[in-house]
Amino acid sequence: VQLQASGGGLVQARGSLRLSCAASGFTLDHYAIGWFRQAPGKEREGVLCISSRGGTTYFTDSVKGRFTISRDNAKNTVYLQMNSLKPEDTAVYYCAARWTAGWDISRNNARWYDYWGQGTQVTVSS
């Protein structure tokens, strides 16, 4: 059972990146998938989550209108599209999964999630 986060990199402010969270060893159909991030010297914070039914919940207002999350169950992957990036978005981004049996549930609580990806670095230059 593994989550693999990828797609990070260095981008200029106002640029875009798309992160991927791919699962292996299990299918994501009935899992809520959350994205968290941790900037240097700061605590990990929740960014947003997609429920197993496709509903999106934003955990931080600063990304509303810029970040969107989607899932492709056929590819067993969740995507985080990040547009209009700002230097303050610089962080290591982690995806996490929680079994919800198909319920439309999400939580902004890192302990709620069962599985975590290894993180992918996003650096936004000014």
Protein backbone atom coordinates (compact mmCIF):
# COMPACT_ATOMS: atom_id res chain seq x y z
CA VAL A 1 0.00 0.00 0.00
CA GLN A 2 1.60 3.18 -1.14
CA LEU A 3 0.85 6.75 -2.17
CA GLN A 4 3.21 8.48 -4.53
CA ALA A 5 3.14 12.25 -4.78
CA SER A 6 4.84 13.85 -7.75
CA GLY A 7 4.84 16.90 -9.97
CA GLY A 8 6.56 19.41 -7.77
CA GLY A 9 9.25 21.73 -8.95
CA LEU A 10 10.46 25.28 -9.25
CA VAL A 11 8.09 27.78 -10.82
CA GLN A 12 7.87 31.54 -11.02
CA ALA A 13 5.14 33.45 -9.29
CA ARG A 14 1.84 33.39 -11.18
CA GLY A 15 2.85 30.11 -12.76
CA SER A 16 1.13 26.75 -12.51
CA LEU A 17 1.91 23.23 -11.45
CA ARG A 18 -0.10 20.04 -11.33
CA LEU A 19 0.67 17.58 -8.58
CA SER A 20 -0.31 13.95 -8.79
CA CYS A 21 -1.05 11.48 -6.05
CA ALA A 22 -0.99 7.93 -7.35
CA ALA A 23 -1.99 4.92 -5.31
CA SER A 24 -0.58 1.44 -5.54
CA GLY A 25 -1.69 -1.61 -3.65
CA PHE A 26 -5.22 -0.29 -3.20
CA THR A 27 -7.85 1.59 -5.16
CA LEU A 28 -8.79 5.15 -4.30
CA ASP A 29 -12.49 4.83 -5.12
CA HIS A 30 -13.75 4.86 -1.56
CA TYR A 31 -11.06 7.07 -0.08
CA ALA A 32 -11.01 10.74 0.73
CA ILE A 33 -7.76 12.30 -0.47
CA GLY A 34 -6.32 15.31 1.24
CA TRP A 35 -3.42 17.54 0.36
CA PHE A 36 -1.31 19.05 3.10
CA ARG A 37 1.75 21.21 2.94
CA GLN A 38 4.60 22.14 5.20
CA ALA A 39 6.76 25.19 4.70
CA PRO A 40 10.18 25.50 6.33
CA GLY A 41 9.84 26.32 10.00
CA LYS A 42 6.08 25.99 9.95
CA GLU A 43 3.60 23.36 10.96
CA ARG A 44 1.93 21.14 8.44
CA GLU A 45 -1.34 22.65 7.26
CA GLY A 46 -4.27 21.22 5.40
CA VAL A 47 -4.84 22.61 1.93
CA LEU A 48 -7.91 20.86 0.57
CA CYS A 49 -9.56 17.50 0.24
CA ILE A 50 -11.67 15.60 -2.23
CA SER A 51 -14.18 13.15 -0.85
CA SER A 52 -14.80 9.74 -2.32
CA ARG A 53 -17.88 11.25 -3.98
CA GLY A 54 -15.89 14.07 -5.56
CA GLY A 55 -16.81 16.89 -3.23
CA THR A 56 -14.09 19.45 -2.57
CA THR A 57 -13.43 21.01 0.81
CA TYR A 58 -10.91 23.80 1.16
CA PHE A 59 -8.96 23.87 4.41
CA THR A 60 -7.26 27.19 3.76
CA ASP A 61 -8.87 30.23 2.19
CA SER A 62 -5.60 31.36 0.63
CA VAL A 63 -5.86 28.77 -2.17
CA LYS A 64 -9.50 29.24 -3.05
CA GLY A 65 -9.87 30.31 -6.65
CA ARG A 66 -6.34 29.12 -7.44
CA PHE A 67 -6.15 25.43 -6.51
CA THR A 68 -8.48 22.70 -7.67
CA ILE A 69 -8.50 19.01 -6.89
CA SER A 70 -9.80 16.22 -9.06
CA ARG A 71 -9.72 12.49 -9.15
CA ASP A 72 -9.39 9.96 -11.93
CA ASN A 73 -10.43 6.65 -10.44
CA ALA A 74 -9.58 4.83 -13.65
CA LYS A 75 -5.97 5.93 -13.22
CA ASN A 76 -6.12 5.57 -9.44
CA THR A 77 -4.79 9.09 -9.17
CA VAL A 78 -5.79 12.39 -7.64
CA TYR A 79 -4.56 15.68 -9.06
CA LEU A 80 -3.93 19.04 -7.48
CA GLN A 81 -3.95 21.81 -10.06
CA MET A 82 -2.24 24.89 -8.71
CA ASN A 83 -2.57 28.14 -10.63
CA SER A 84 -1.48 31.69 -9.91
CA LEU A 85 1.16 30.39 -7.56
CA LYS A 86 2.62 32.70 -4.97
CA PRO A 87 5.93 32.54 -3.08
CA GLU A 88 3.96 31.76 0.08
CA ASP A 89 2.80 28.51 -1.56
CA THR A 90 6.37 27.24 -1.30
CA ALA A 91 6.29 24.04 0.74
CA VAL A 92 6.55 20.30 0.64
CA TYR A 93 3.17 19.00 -0.45
CA TYR A 94 1.84 15.71 0.85
CA CYS A 95 -1.16 13.70 -0.17
CA ALA A 96 -3.00 11.50 2.26
CA ALA A 97 -5.80 8.96 2.02
CA ARG A 98 -8.57 7.90 4.35
CA TRP A 99 -11.07 5.10 3.80
CA THR A 100 -14.60 6.52 3.94
CA ALA A 101 -16.61 3.69 2.40
CA GLY A 102 -17.96 6.05 -0.25
CA TRP A 103 -19.31 8.64 2.17
CA ASP A 104 -18.93 12.32 1.35
CA ILE A 105 -16.57 13.03 4.23
CA SER A 106 -13.39 15.04 4.60
CA ARG A 107 -11.39 16.23 7.56
CA ASN A 108 -8.72 18.85 8.11
CA ASN A 109 -6.87 16.67 10.57
CA ALA A 110 -3.67 14.91 9.63
CA ARG A 111 -4.32 12.13 12.15
CA TRP A 112 -7.56 11.26 10.43
CA TYR A 113 -5.76 9.94 7.35
CA ASP A 114 -4.52 6.38 7.03
CA TYR A 115 -1.87 6.63 4.33
CA TRP A 116 0.58 9.31 3.33
CA GLY A 117 2.70 10.01 0.31
CA GLN A 118 6.33 10.95 0.64
CA GLY A 119 5.91 14.61 -0.29
CA THR A 120 6.91 16.67 -3.29
CA GLN A 121 8.68 20.02 -3.11
CA VAL A 122 7.03 23.07 -4.61
CA THR A 123 9.12 26.22 -4.80
CA VAL A 124 7.68 29.45 -6.10
CA SER A 125 10.12 32.23 -6.89
CA SER A 126 9.14 35.88 -6.81
